[in-house]
Protein backbone atom coordinates (compact mmCIF):
# COMPACT_ATOMS: atom_id res chain seq x y z
CA MET A 1 192.63 124.22 70.14
CA ASP A 2 191.67 121.52 67.65
CA THR A 3 189.70 123.28 64.91
CA GLU A 4 189.56 120.54 62.28
CA TYR A 5 186.88 117.93 62.15
CA THR A 6 187.61 114.34 61.19
CA PHE A 7 185.67 111.26 60.18
CA GLN A 8 186.19 107.73 61.36
CA ASP A 9 185.00 104.68 59.46
CA VAL A 10 182.73 102.41 61.50
CA ILE A 11 182.97 98.63 61.18
CA TYR A 12 179.82 97.09 59.68
CA ASN A 13 178.99 93.42 60.15
CA GLU A 14 175.94 91.57 58.84
CA ASP A 15 174.79 87.98 59.13
CA ASP A 16 171.46 86.16 59.17
CA ARG A 17 170.75 87.38 62.73
CA ALA A 18 171.42 91.13 62.62
CA GLN A 19 173.22 94.09 61.13
CA ARG A 20 175.83 95.57 63.47
CA LEU A 21 177.83 98.76 63.78
CA LEU A 22 180.94 97.98 65.81
CA ASP A 23 183.29 100.18 67.82
CA ILE A 24 181.45 103.34 66.82
CA TYR A 25 183.72 105.59 68.91
CA ASN A 26 187.07 103.84 68.66
CA ASN A 27 188.85 106.48 70.74
CA VAL A 28 186.97 105.64 73.97
CA ASN A 29 187.87 103.01 76.52
CA GLY A 30 185.82 99.95 75.78
CA GLN A 31 183.60 99.65 72.75
CA ILE A 32 180.15 100.95 71.74
CA ASN A 33 178.10 98.82 69.32
CA ILE A 34 174.60 98.81 67.83
CA SER A 35 172.70 95.73 66.59
CA HIS A 36 169.67 96.07 64.33
CA VAL A 37 167.79 92.76 64.62
CA ASN A 38 165.21 91.89 61.97
CA SER A 39 164.41 88.30 62.91
CA VAL A 40 162.23 87.32 65.87
CA SER A 41 163.05 83.63 65.40
CA HIS A 42 166.81 83.67 66.07
CA VAL A 43 168.26 83.29 69.55
CA VAL A 44 171.69 84.88 69.97
CA ALA A 45 173.10 82.98 72.95
CA TRP A 46 175.08 81.88 75.02
CA HIS A 47 178.37 83.51 75.88
CA LYS A 48 180.13 84.98 78.90
CA HIS A 49 183.29 86.94 79.60
CA ASP A 50 185.89 86.58 82.34
CA ILE A 51 187.00 90.24 82.10
CA GLN A 52 184.51 92.33 80.12
CA THR A 53 181.29 93.84 81.50
CA ASP A 54 178.41 94.47 79.06
CA TYR A 55 175.88 97.30 79.33
CA TRP A 56 172.75 96.82 77.19
CA PHE A 57 170.04 99.32 76.26
CA CYS A 58 167.09 98.81 73.89
CA ILE A 59 166.73 101.81 71.58
CA LYS A 60 163.78 100.42 69.59
CA GLY A 61 161.51 97.39 69.93
CA SER A 62 161.98 94.77 72.62
CA PHE A 63 164.23 91.88 73.61
CA LYS A 64 163.93 88.78 75.76
CA VAL A 65 167.30 88.56 77.53
CA GLY A 66 168.58 85.30 78.99
CA LEU A 67 170.97 85.43 81.95
CA ALA A 68 172.59 82.26 83.32
CA SER A 69 174.26 82.78 86.69
CA PRO A 70 176.47 80.20 88.39
CA VAL A 71 175.01 78.49 91.46
CA TYR A 72 177.68 76.84 93.53
CA ASN A 73 176.85 73.45 95.03
CA LEU A 74 179.58 73.04 97.61
CA ASN A 75 180.70 69.53 98.45
CA PHE A 76 178.68 67.93 95.67
CA GLN A 77 178.81 64.19 96.19
CA GLY A 78 177.73 61.54 93.77
CA GLU A 79 178.75 58.85 91.39
CA VAL A 80 179.77 59.25 87.77
CA LEU A 81 180.69 56.83 85.05
CA GLY A 82 184.40 57.11 84.30
CA GLU A 83 185.92 56.91 80.83
CA ASP A 84 186.79 53.27 81.48
CA GLY A 85 183.12 52.47 82.21
CA LYS A 86 183.63 52.06 85.95
CA VAL A 87 181.63 53.98 88.57
CA GLU A 88 183.67 56.60 90.41
CA ASN A 89 182.73 58.44 93.60
CA LEU A 90 182.90 62.20 93.42
CA ALA A 91 183.29 64.80 96.14
CA LEU A 92 183.87 68.11 94.37
CA ASP A 93 182.92 71.72 94.61
CA GLU A 94 180.61 71.82 91.58
CA TYR A 95 178.27 74.43 90.22
CA SER A 96 175.30 74.64 87.94
CA TYR A 97 173.56 77.60 86.30
CA ASN A 98 170.31 79.35 87.16
CA VAL A 99 168.62 80.81 84.06
CA GLU A 100 166.44 83.89 84.33
CA PHE A 101 164.79 85.96 81.64
CA GLU A 102 164.53 89.75 81.70
CA TYR A 103 163.04 92.10 79.14
CA LEU A 104 164.42 95.25 77.55
CA SER A 105 162.00 97.52 75.69
CA ASP A 106 161.78 101.04 74.32
CA LYS A 107 158.45 101.27 76.19
CA TYR A 108 160.18 100.74 79.56
CA PRO A 109 163.68 102.24 79.15
CA ARG A 110 166.34 100.80 81.42
CA MET A 111 169.96 99.74 81.15
CA LEU A 112 171.10 96.19 81.93
CA LYS A 113 174.60 95.62 83.35
CA ILE A 114 175.97 92.11 82.74
CA PRO A 115 179.11 91.45 84.82
CA PRO A 116 181.83 88.90 83.99
CA GLY A 117 180.91 85.27 84.66
CA ILE A 118 177.24 85.56 83.60
CA TYR A 119 176.26 83.75 80.41
CA HIS A 120 173.92 85.94 78.37
CA GLY A 121 172.02 86.16 75.12
CA TYR A 122 168.87 87.57 73.57
CA LYS A 123 165.96 87.10 71.24
CA ALA A 124 164.18 90.05 69.59
CA LEU A 125 160.45 90.10 70.30
CA GLU A 126 159.66 92.63 67.56
CA PRO A 127 161.07 92.89 64.04
CA ASN A 128 163.54 95.75 63.57
CA SER A 129 164.51 95.91 67.25
CA ILE A 130 167.71 97.85 67.99
CA LEU A 131 170.14 97.12 70.84
CA LEU A 132 172.85 99.58 71.91
CA TYR A 133 175.59 97.94 73.93
CA TYR A 134 178.74 99.20 75.60
CA LEU A 135 181.59 96.79 76.33
CA SER A 136 183.97 97.77 79.12
CA GLU A 137 186.88 96.41 77.05
CA LYS A 138 187.62 96.33 73.33
CA TYR A 139 186.26 93.06 71.93
CA ASN A 140 188.66 90.18 72.56
CA PRO A 141 187.62 86.75 71.23
CA LYS A 142 189.86 85.11 73.87
CA ASP A 143 187.55 86.59 76.57
CA GLU A 144 184.40 85.04 75.08
CA ILE A 145 183.34 81.59 76.30
CA ARG A 146 180.41 80.12 74.35
CA LYS A 147 177.74 77.51 74.95
CA LYS A 148 174.97 76.36 72.61
CA VAL A 149 171.33 77.43 72.85
CA GLY A 150 169.56 74.85 75.03
CA GLU A 151 172.73 74.03 77.00
CA PHE A 152 171.03 75.08 80.25
CA GLY A 153 167.66 73.46 79.44
CA GLU A 154 166.10 76.89 78.94
CA ASP A 155 162.98 77.68 76.92
CA TRP A 156 163.18 80.79 74.70
CA GLY A 157 159.56 80.46 73.64
CA THR A 158 156.74 82.74 74.70
CA GLU A 159 154.31 81.21 77.17
CA ASN A 160 150.62 81.26 76.28
CA LYS A 161 148.58 82.77 79.12
């Protein structure tokens, strides 16, 4: 029987978007993190994973979550301008991305599972919003593929109604 208690240091990371506690329980499979987001003007997007699954839960405040899923356009045919400036005919299996927005809030508690292959990101809708997220794998920068905000033609603004 283990009768001694121990402490573990938690990794702290801060930048202009949020303060983060990383790998809170380093002895579990995967990784548990918390982000405390002060700014409602920053968009933290886009990235996807080929291996890792993310599980997100809003502890406090609210978040607008962007999800970009691949849409496969089989047998895409068209013309493109080649590097030499000549028109080339294309017949490829291409795909584009469908962007949807979901909302996480402490007023409507629910967990969001983001599987591999889905680009994702968020914007806090309230100052001091807190996001708890579990990663199915320890963070591996080689499993993170990034795109810039606006890459999918999305609008992170709030519509006036």
